[in-house]
Amino acid sequence: MKITVLIPGVLRPAAQNQSTLELDLPEPTTLGAVLDELAGRYPLLDRRLRDERATLRRYVNFYVDGEECRRLDGPSTVLRPNAEIRILPSVAGG
């Protein structure tokens, strides 16, 4: 099952400067399984997305087909074929 992960500019160096990652995972799959796959391929990216307990970092938002994952089922959110995951880190400033 094809999954597309969109990587924002600030995180691209941790993903070998790629803006889009295409994954082919077995069905059914979850957001957590996608993050596990990314962790295996891009360990530096995983450290920016999840903490040492593999919990989603508070300041990073994950949108699954336009819906914020925390409003769905978090990392347990089941993905449909051809799902799109958009990663958006929070921005702070002053």
C-alpha atoms as a PDB file:
ATOM      1  CA  MET A   1       0.000   0.000   0.000  1.00  0.00           C
ATOM      2  CA  LYS A   2       1.451   3.327  -1.067  1.00  0.00           C
ATOM      3  CA  ILE A   3       1.857   6.122   1.486  1.00  0.00           C
ATOM      4  CA  THR A   4       3.179   9.614   0.774  1.00  0.00           C
ATOM      5  CA  VAL A   5       4.961  11.562   3.510  1.00  0.00           C
ATOM      6  CA  LEU A   6       5.510  15.298   2.955  1.00  0.00           C
ATOM      7  CA  ILE A   7       8.601  16.655   4.708  1.00  0.00           C
ATOM      8  CA  PRO A   8       8.834  20.385   5.548  1.00  0.00           C
ATOM      9  CA  GLY A   9      11.979  22.323   4.669  1.00  0.00           C
ATOM     10  CA  VAL A  10      13.251  22.513   8.245  1.00  0.00           C
ATOM     11  CA  LEU A  11      13.289  18.688   8.508  1.00  0.00           C
ATOM     12  CA  ARG A  12      14.614  17.853   5.039  1.00  0.00           C
ATOM     13  CA  PRO A  13      18.288  17.692   6.057  1.00  0.00           C
ATOM     14  CA  ALA A  14      17.353  14.775   8.359  1.00  0.00           C
ATOM     15  CA  ALA A  15      15.645  13.036   5.395  1.00  0.00           C
ATOM     16  CA  GLN A  16      18.519  13.326   2.915  1.00  0.00           C
ATOM     17  CA  ASN A  17      17.061  16.622   1.623  1.00  0.00           C
ATOM     18  CA  GLN A  18      13.920  14.969   0.272  1.00  0.00           C
ATOM     19  CA  SER A  19      10.626  16.850   0.289  1.00  0.00           C
ATOM     20  CA  THR A  20       8.451  13.808  -0.415  1.00  0.00           C
ATOM     21  CA  LEU A  21       8.929  10.232   0.725  1.00  0.00           C
ATOM     22  CA  GLU A  22       7.025   7.437  -0.968  1.00  0.00           C
ATOM     23  CA  LEU A  23       6.589   4.288   1.124  1.00  0.00           C
ATOM     24  CA  ASP A  24       5.149   0.928   0.156  1.00  0.00           C
ATOM     25  CA  LEU A  25       3.903  -0.836   3.296  1.00  0.00           C
ATOM     26  CA  PRO A  26       1.721  -3.899   3.890  1.00  0.00           C
ATOM     27  CA  GLU A  27      -1.989  -3.391   4.426  1.00  0.00           C
ATOM     28  CA  PRO A  28      -3.372  -2.457   6.902  1.00  0.00           C
ATOM     29  CA  THR A  29      -0.897   0.021   8.281  1.00  0.00           C
ATOM     30  CA  THR A  30      -0.911   2.811  10.850  1.00  0.00           C
ATOM     31  CA  LEU A  31       0.766   6.161  11.318  1.00  0.00           C
ATOM     32  CA  GLY A  32       2.988   4.505  13.934  1.00  0.00           C
ATOM     33  CA  ALA A  33       4.106   1.864  11.431  1.00  0.00           C
ATOM     34  CA  VAL A  34       4.990   4.614   8.950  1.00  0.00           C
ATOM     35  CA  LEU A  35       7.044   6.376  11.628  1.00  0.00           C
ATOM     36  CA  ASP A  36       8.779   3.088  12.472  1.00  0.00           C
ATOM     37  CA  GLU A  37       9.668   2.662   8.782  1.00  0.00           C
ATOM     38  CA  LEU A  38      10.987   6.215   8.622  1.00  0.00           C
ATOM     39  CA  ALA A  39      13.028   5.604  11.801  1.00  0.00           C
ATOM     40  CA  GLY A  40      14.764   2.684  10.121  1.00  0.00           C
ATOM     41  CA  ARG A  41      15.591   4.718   7.021  1.00  0.00           C
ATOM     42  CA  TYR A  42      16.223   8.133   8.587  1.00  0.00           C
ATOM     43  CA  PRO A  43      17.209   7.872  12.279  1.00  0.00           C
ATOM     44  CA  LEU A  44      17.960  11.609  12.510  1.00  0.00           C
ATOM     45  CA  LEU A  45      14.461  12.407  11.281  1.00  0.00           C
ATOM     46  CA  ASP A  46      12.947  10.049  13.856  1.00  0.00           C
ATOM     47  CA  ARG A  47      14.697  11.928  16.679  1.00  0.00           C
ATOM     48  CA  ARG A  48      13.006  15.116  15.515  1.00  0.00           C
ATOM     49  CA  LEU A  49       9.555  13.469  15.298  1.00  0.00           C
ATOM     50  CA  ARG A  50       9.464  11.191  18.361  1.00  0.00           C
ATOM     51  CA  ASP A  51      11.094  11.109  21.776  1.00  0.00           C
ATOM     52  CA  GLU A  52      13.175   8.271  23.260  1.00  0.00           C
ATOM     53  CA  ARG A  53       9.975   6.345  24.131  1.00  0.00           C
ATOM     54  CA  ALA A  54       8.768   6.642  20.504  1.00  0.00           C
ATOM     55  CA  THR A  55       6.033   9.064  21.611  1.00  0.00           C
ATOM     56  CA  LEU A  56       5.058  11.817  19.180  1.00  0.00           C
ATOM     57  CA  ARG A  57       6.764  15.068  20.083  1.00  0.00           C
ATOM     58  CA  ARG A  58       4.326  17.728  21.288  1.00  0.00           C
ATOM     59  CA  TYR A  59       5.614  20.401  18.967  1.00  0.00           C
ATOM     60  CA  VAL A  60       5.310  18.331  15.774  1.00  0.00           C
ATOM     61  CA  ASN A  61       1.922  17.932  14.120  1.00  0.00           C
ATOM     62  CA  PHE A  62       1.051  15.030  11.856  1.00  0.00           C
ATOM     63  CA  TYR A  63      -1.825  15.398   9.404  1.00  0.00           C
ATOM     64  CA  VAL A  64      -3.292  12.262   7.854  1.00  0.00           C
ATOM     65  CA  ASP A  65      -5.272  13.143   4.733  1.00  0.00           C
ATOM     66  CA  GLY A  66      -5.783  16.638   6.136  1.00  0.00           C
ATOM     67  CA  GLU A  67      -6.833  15.595   9.663  1.00  0.00           C
ATOM     68  CA  GLU A  68      -4.572  16.213  12.651  1.00  0.00           C
ATOM     69  CA  CYS A  69      -3.642  12.758  13.979  1.00  0.00           C
ATOM     70  CA  ARG A  70      -4.265  13.663  17.619  1.00  0.00           C
ATOM     71  CA  ARG A  71      -7.923  14.229  16.714  1.00  0.00           C
ATOM     72  CA  LEU A  72      -7.982  10.782  15.159  1.00  0.00           C
ATOM     73  CA  ASP A  73      -6.234   7.901  16.918  1.00  0.00           C
ATOM     74  CA  GLY A  74      -2.708   9.289  17.209  1.00  0.00           C
ATOM     75  CA  PRO A  75      -0.019   6.840  16.119  1.00  0.00           C
ATOM     76  CA  SER A  76      -2.666   4.089  16.011  1.00  0.00           C
ATOM     77  CA  THR A  77      -4.526   5.876  13.217  1.00  0.00           C
ATOM     78  CA  VAL A  78      -5.191   3.336  10.458  1.00  0.00           C
ATOM     79  CA  LEU A  79      -4.229   4.626   7.029  1.00  0.00           C
ATOM     80  CA  ARG A  80      -6.110   4.120   3.792  1.00  0.00           C
ATOM     81  CA  PRO A  81      -4.277   3.195   0.576  1.00  0.00           C
ATOM     82  CA  ASN A  82      -2.613   6.238  -1.036  1.00  0.00           C
ATOM     83  CA  ALA A  83      -2.794   8.169   2.243  1.00  0.00           C
ATOM     84  CA  GLU A  84      -0.873  11.413   2.560  1.00  0.00           C
ATOM     85  CA  ILE A  85       0.917  12.331   5.777  1.00  0.00           C
ATOM     86  CA  ARG A  86       1.997  15.934   6.201  1.00  0.00           C
ATOM     87  CA  ILE A  87       4.474  16.728   8.970  1.00  0.00           C
ATOM     88  CA  LEU A  88       4.354  20.261  10.370  1.00  0.00           C
ATOM     89  CA  PRO A  89       6.616  21.302  13.237  1.00  0.00           C
ATOM     90  CA  SER A  90       5.305  24.129  15.377  1.00  0.00           C
ATOM     91  CA  VAL A  91       6.922  27.491  14.841  1.00  0.00           C
ATOM     92  CA  ALA A  92       7.662  29.829  17.728  1.00  0.00           C
ATOM     93  CA  GLY A  93       9.199  33.216  17.784  1.00  0.00           C
ATOM     94  CA  GLY A  94       9.105  36.548  19.329  1.00  0.00           C
END
